[in-house]
Amino acid sequence: MRGDLVEQVLQQADAVCAARGVRLTPQRRQVLAIICRRGQPMGAYEILEALRQQVPGAAPPTVYRALDFLLAHGLVHRIETLHAFVSCPHPDHPHAGQFLICSRCGGVEELQDATLSRLLLAAASATGFDPQRPVVEITGRCARCAGAAP
């Protein structure tokens, strides 16, 4: 992600946290910035290694606590298929995650389709199932990797 976009995401995160009365601590901000700069899904230990470039004594609990906070406030998403994290481009409102994961380049694109979310929740509810975390992950090839025009 370009530097100006990273700064935009960080400013939005500051605003979201301020509106919710929570604090985006320097370490939480650093973890979010690391994920944003990468622009690709990152595992917790990849994040830890990047954080250690800035904070040499950083330990796994530091990263996990920061990730827990960022997840709880919708600033990042966990991509279950990859056991990795990506930043959320629109953390200002709660939404279900729908992700397109490229099996070739590893890129992830987030969709936000309210109709799809409603249909999935209705279908689950019709069976008596109580969805707790409705996340959809679709693996395939992005347009660039498939050789298709955008």
C-alpha atoms as a PDB file:
ATOM      1  CA  MET A   1       0.000   0.000   0.000  1.00  0.00           C
ATOM      2  CA  ARG A   2       1.314   3.445  -0.885  1.00  0.00           C
ATOM      3  CA  GLY A   3       2.507   5.651   1.962  1.00  0.00           C
ATOM      4  CA  ASP A   4      -0.292   8.195   1.528  1.00  0.00           C
ATOM      5  CA  LEU A   5      -2.882   5.391   1.694  1.00  0.00           C
ATOM      6  CA  VAL A   6      -1.244   3.934   4.806  1.00  0.00           C
ATOM      7  CA  GLU A   7      -1.449   7.342   6.459  1.00  0.00           C
ATOM      8  CA  GLN A   8      -5.084   7.641   5.404  1.00  0.00           C
ATOM      9  CA  VAL A   9      -5.913   4.253   6.982  1.00  0.00           C
ATOM     10  CA  LEU A  10      -4.071   5.220  10.187  1.00  0.00           C
ATOM     11  CA  GLN A  11      -5.965   8.531  10.398  1.00  0.00           C
ATOM     12  CA  GLN A  12      -9.241   6.699   9.866  1.00  0.00           C
ATOM     13  CA  ALA A  13      -8.256   4.209  12.599  1.00  0.00           C
ATOM     14  CA  ASP A  14      -7.497   7.104  14.963  1.00  0.00           C
ATOM     15  CA  ALA A  15     -10.932   8.587  14.231  1.00  0.00           C
ATOM     16  CA  VAL A  16     -12.732   5.261  14.688  1.00  0.00           C
ATOM     17  CA  CYS A  17     -10.991   4.643  18.017  1.00  0.00           C
ATOM     18  CA  ALA A  18     -11.673   8.176  19.250  1.00  0.00           C
ATOM     19  CA  ALA A  19     -15.369   7.857  18.333  1.00  0.00           C
ATOM     20  CA  ARG A  20     -15.559   4.570  20.260  1.00  0.00           C
ATOM     21  CA  GLY A  21     -13.697   5.890  23.278  1.00  0.00           C
ATOM     22  CA  VAL A  22     -10.794   3.451  22.912  1.00  0.00           C
ATOM     23  CA  ARG A  23      -7.112   4.128  22.468  1.00  0.00           C
ATOM     24  CA  LEU A  24      -5.006   3.245  19.450  1.00  0.00           C
ATOM     25  CA  THR A  25      -1.742   2.885  21.367  1.00  0.00           C
ATOM     26  CA  PRO A  26       1.590   3.391  19.603  1.00  0.00           C
ATOM     27  CA  GLN A  27       2.171  -0.388  19.395  1.00  0.00           C
ATOM     28  CA  ARG A  28      -1.323  -1.059  18.029  1.00  0.00           C
ATOM     29  CA  ARG A  29      -0.740   1.705  15.492  1.00  0.00           C
ATOM     30  CA  GLN A  30       2.633   0.197  14.539  1.00  0.00           C
ATOM     31  CA  VAL A  31       1.069  -3.236  13.983  1.00  0.00           C
ATOM     32  CA  LEU A  32      -1.693  -1.720  11.850  1.00  0.00           C
ATOM     33  CA  ALA A  33       0.872   0.277   9.857  1.00  0.00           C
ATOM     34  CA  ILE A  34       2.949  -2.866   9.246  1.00  0.00           C
ATOM     35  CA  ILE A  35      -0.093  -4.724   7.908  1.00  0.00           C
ATOM     36  CA  CYS A  36      -1.094  -1.765   5.727  1.00  0.00           C
ATOM     37  CA  ARG A  37       2.386  -1.224   4.281  1.00  0.00           C
ATOM     38  CA  ARG A  38       2.649  -4.872   3.306  1.00  0.00           C
ATOM     39  CA  GLY A  39      -0.570  -4.712   1.306  1.00  0.00           C
ATOM     40  CA  GLN A  40      -0.790  -8.524   1.433  1.00  0.00           C
ATOM     41  CA  PRO A  41      -2.014 -10.861   4.162  1.00  0.00           C
ATOM     42  CA  MET A  42       0.487 -11.308   6.986  1.00  0.00           C
ATOM     43  CA  GLY A  43       0.776 -13.996   9.621  1.00  0.00           C
ATOM     44  CA  ALA A  44       1.313 -13.045  13.250  1.00  0.00           C
ATOM     45  CA  TYR A  45       4.970 -14.077  13.211  1.00  0.00           C
ATOM     46  CA  GLU A  46       5.624 -12.089  10.025  1.00  0.00           C
ATOM     47  CA  ILE A  47       4.123  -9.085  11.797  1.00  0.00           C
ATOM     48  CA  LEU A  48       6.312  -9.797  14.834  1.00  0.00           C
ATOM     49  CA  GLU A  49       9.464  -9.891  12.700  1.00  0.00           C
ATOM     50  CA  ALA A  50       8.554  -6.570  11.083  1.00  0.00           C
ATOM     51  CA  LEU A  51       7.732  -5.050  14.483  1.00  0.00           C
ATOM     52  CA  ARG A  52      11.114  -6.170  15.834  1.00  0.00           C
ATOM     53  CA  GLN A  53      12.765  -3.909  13.249  1.00  0.00           C
ATOM     54  CA  GLN A  54      11.217  -0.989  15.168  1.00  0.00           C
ATOM     55  CA  VAL A  55      10.933  -2.515  18.669  1.00  0.00           C
ATOM     56  CA  PRO A  56      13.756  -5.049  19.105  1.00  0.00           C
ATOM     57  CA  GLY A  57      12.339  -6.603  22.290  1.00  0.00           C
ATOM     58  CA  ALA A  58       8.840  -7.168  20.905  1.00  0.00           C
ATOM     59  CA  ALA A  59       7.382 -10.526  21.919  1.00  0.00           C
ATOM     60  CA  PRO A  60       4.505 -12.596  20.496  1.00  0.00           C
ATOM     61  CA  PRO A  61       2.006 -11.488  23.192  1.00  0.00           C
ATOM     62  CA  THR A  62       2.533  -7.887  22.091  1.00  0.00           C
ATOM     63  CA  VAL A  63       1.461  -8.715  18.552  1.00  0.00           C
ATOM     64  CA  TYR A  64      -1.413 -10.958  19.625  1.00  0.00           C
ATOM     65  CA  ARG A  65      -2.809  -8.314  21.986  1.00  0.00           C
ATOM     66  CA  ALA A  66      -2.571  -5.673  19.261  1.00  0.00           C
ATOM     67  CA  LEU A  67      -4.247  -7.998  16.742  1.00  0.00           C
ATOM     68  CA  ASP A  68      -7.029  -8.822  19.215  1.00  0.00           C
ATOM     69  CA  PHE A  69      -7.720  -5.105  19.641  1.00  0.00           C
ATOM     70  CA  LEU A  70      -7.553  -4.371  15.902  1.00  0.00           C
ATOM     71  CA  LEU A  71      -9.892  -7.294  15.162  1.00  0.00           C
ATOM     72  CA  ALA A  72     -12.346  -6.299  17.890  1.00  0.00           C
ATOM     73  CA  HIS A  73     -12.624  -2.805  16.437  1.00  0.00           C
ATOM     74  CA  GLY A  74     -12.832  -3.880  12.801  1.00  0.00           C
ATOM     75  CA  LEU A  75      -9.514  -2.313  11.819  1.00  0.00           C
ATOM     76  CA  VAL A  76      -8.180  -5.611  10.455  1.00  0.00           C
ATOM     77  CA  HIS A  77      -9.697  -8.878   9.282  1.00  0.00           C
ATOM     78  CA  ARG A  78      -8.429 -12.392   9.857  1.00  0.00           C
ATOM     79  CA  ILE A  79      -8.248 -14.444   6.685  1.00  0.00           C
ATOM     80  CA  GLU A  80      -8.959 -17.898   8.075  1.00  0.00           C
ATOM     81  CA  THR A  81      -7.788 -19.788   4.991  1.00  0.00           C
ATOM     82  CA  LEU A  82      -4.342 -18.188   5.193  1.00  0.00           C
ATOM     83  CA  HIS A  83      -4.086 -17.784   8.986  1.00  0.00           C
ATOM     84  CA  ALA A  84      -3.230 -14.173   8.226  1.00  0.00           C
ATOM     85  CA  PHE A  85      -4.435 -10.605   8.703  1.00  0.00           C
ATOM     86  CA  VAL A  86      -5.273  -7.752   6.326  1.00  0.00           C
ATOM     87  CA  SER A  87      -6.283  -4.174   7.022  1.00  0.00           C
ATOM     88  CA  CYS A  88      -9.912  -3.184   6.590  1.00  0.00           C
ATOM     89  CA  PRO A  89     -10.550  -0.427   4.047  1.00  0.00           C
ATOM     90  CA  HIS A  90     -13.784   0.655   5.767  1.00  0.00           C
ATOM     91  CA  PRO A  91     -13.605   0.171   9.540  1.00  0.00           C
ATOM     92  CA  ASP A  92     -16.115   2.935  10.239  1.00  0.00           C
ATOM     93  CA  HIS A  93     -19.042   0.502  10.261  1.00  0.00           C
ATOM     94  CA  PRO A  94     -19.496  -3.167  11.166  1.00  0.00           C
ATOM     95  CA  HIS A  95     -19.797  -5.544   8.228  1.00  0.00           C
ATOM     96  CA  ALA A  96     -19.451  -9.201   7.351  1.00  0.00           C
ATOM     97  CA  GLY A  97     -16.274 -10.150   5.549  1.00  0.00           C
ATOM     98  CA  GLN A  98     -16.269 -11.436   1.997  1.00  0.00           C
ATOM     99  CA  PHE A  99     -12.819 -12.050   0.600  1.00  0.00           C
ATOM    100  CA  LEU A 100     -11.428 -13.032  -2.779  1.00  0.00           C
ATOM    101  CA  ILE A 101      -8.069 -14.747  -2.255  1.00  0.00           C
ATOM    102  CA  CYS A 102      -5.714 -15.207  -5.206  1.00  0.00           C
ATOM    103  CA  SER A 103      -4.046 -18.607  -4.990  1.00  0.00           C
ATOM    104  CA  ARG A 104      -1.263 -17.433  -7.292  1.00  0.00           C
ATOM    105  CA  CYS A 105      -0.091 -14.031  -5.987  1.00  0.00           C
ATOM    106  CA  GLY A 106      -1.622 -14.245  -2.496  1.00  0.00           C
ATOM    107  CA  GLY A 107      -3.528 -10.981  -2.886  1.00  0.00           C
ATOM    108  CA  VAL A 108      -6.792 -10.498  -1.047  1.00  0.00           C
ATOM    109  CA  GLU A 109      -9.636  -8.241  -2.084  1.00  0.00           C
ATOM    110  CA  GLU A 110     -12.424  -7.448   0.342  1.00  0.00           C
ATOM    111  CA  LEU A 111     -15.971  -7.240  -0.901  1.00  0.00           C
ATOM    112  CA  GLN A 112     -18.795  -5.649   1.017  1.00  0.00           C
ATOM    113  CA  ASP A 113     -22.039  -6.946  -0.420  1.00  0.00           C
ATOM    114  CA  ALA A 114     -24.954  -6.414   1.983  1.00  0.00           C
ATOM    115  CA  THR A 115     -27.300  -8.477  -0.189  1.00  0.00           C
ATOM    116  CA  LEU A 116     -24.970 -11.475  -0.086  1.00  0.00           C
ATOM    117  CA  SER A 117     -24.632 -11.114   3.687  1.00  0.00           C
ATOM    118  CA  ARG A 118     -28.400 -11.003   4.175  1.00  0.00           C
ATOM    119  CA  LEU A 119     -28.929 -14.044   1.937  1.00  0.00           C
ATOM    120  CA  LEU A 120     -26.301 -16.102   3.760  1.00  0.00           C
ATOM    121  CA  LEU A 121     -27.641 -15.157   7.193  1.00  0.00           C
ATOM    122  CA  ALA A 122     -31.214 -15.940   6.111  1.00  0.00           C
ATOM    123  CA  ALA A 123     -30.164 -19.320   4.686  1.00  0.00           C
ATOM    124  CA  ALA A 124     -28.279 -20.176   7.879  1.00  0.00           C
ATOM    125  CA  SER A 125     -31.162 -19.044  10.092  1.00  0.00           C
ATOM    126  CA  ALA A 126     -33.640 -21.087   8.044  1.00  0.00           C
ATOM    127  CA  THR A 127     -31.784 -24.223   9.132  1.00  0.00           C
ATOM    128  CA  GLY A 128     -31.816 -23.151  12.775  1.00  0.00           C
ATOM    129  CA  PHE A 129     -28.128 -22.321  12.680  1.00  0.00           C
ATOM    130  CA  ASP A 130     -26.995 -19.281  14.690  1.00  0.00           C
ATOM    131  CA  PRO A 131     -24.066 -17.726  12.791  1.00  0.00           C
ATOM    132  CA  GLN A 132     -21.492 -16.086  15.045  1.00  0.00           C
ATOM    133  CA  ARG A 133     -18.977 -14.762  12.541  1.00  0.00           C
ATOM    134  CA  PRO A 134     -20.209 -14.810   8.951  1.00  0.00           C
ATOM    135  CA  VAL A 135     -17.097 -14.715   6.792  1.00  0.00           C
ATOM    136  CA  VAL A 136     -16.916 -15.824   3.168  1.00  0.00           C
ATOM    137  CA  GLU A 137     -13.556 -16.649   1.599  1.00  0.00           C
ATOM    138  CA  ILE A 138     -13.292 -17.557  -2.066  1.00  0.00           C
ATOM    139  CA  THR A 139     -10.004 -18.848  -3.428  1.00  0.00           C
ATOM    140  CA  GLY A 140      -9.189 -18.498  -7.108  1.00  0.00           C
ATOM    141  CA  ARG A 141      -7.162 -16.237  -9.363  1.00  0.00           C
ATOM    142  CA  CYS A 142      -7.320 -12.473  -9.468  1.00  0.00           C
ATOM    143  CA  ALA A 143      -7.859 -10.739 -12.796  1.00  0.00           C
ATOM    144  CA  ARG A 144      -4.159  -9.930 -13.165  1.00  0.00           C
ATOM    145  CA  CYS A 145      -3.013 -13.488 -12.488  1.00  0.00           C
ATOM    146  CA  ALA A 146      -5.722 -14.991 -14.683  1.00  0.00           C
ATOM    147  CA  GLY A 147      -4.530 -12.747 -17.507  1.00  0.00           C
ATOM    148  CA  ALA A 148      -7.918 -11.075 -17.783  1.00  0.00           C
ATOM    149  CA  ALA A 149      -8.396  -7.391 -18.420  1.00  0.00           C
ATOM    150  CA  PRO A 150      -9.496  -5.449 -15.329  1.00  0.00           C
END
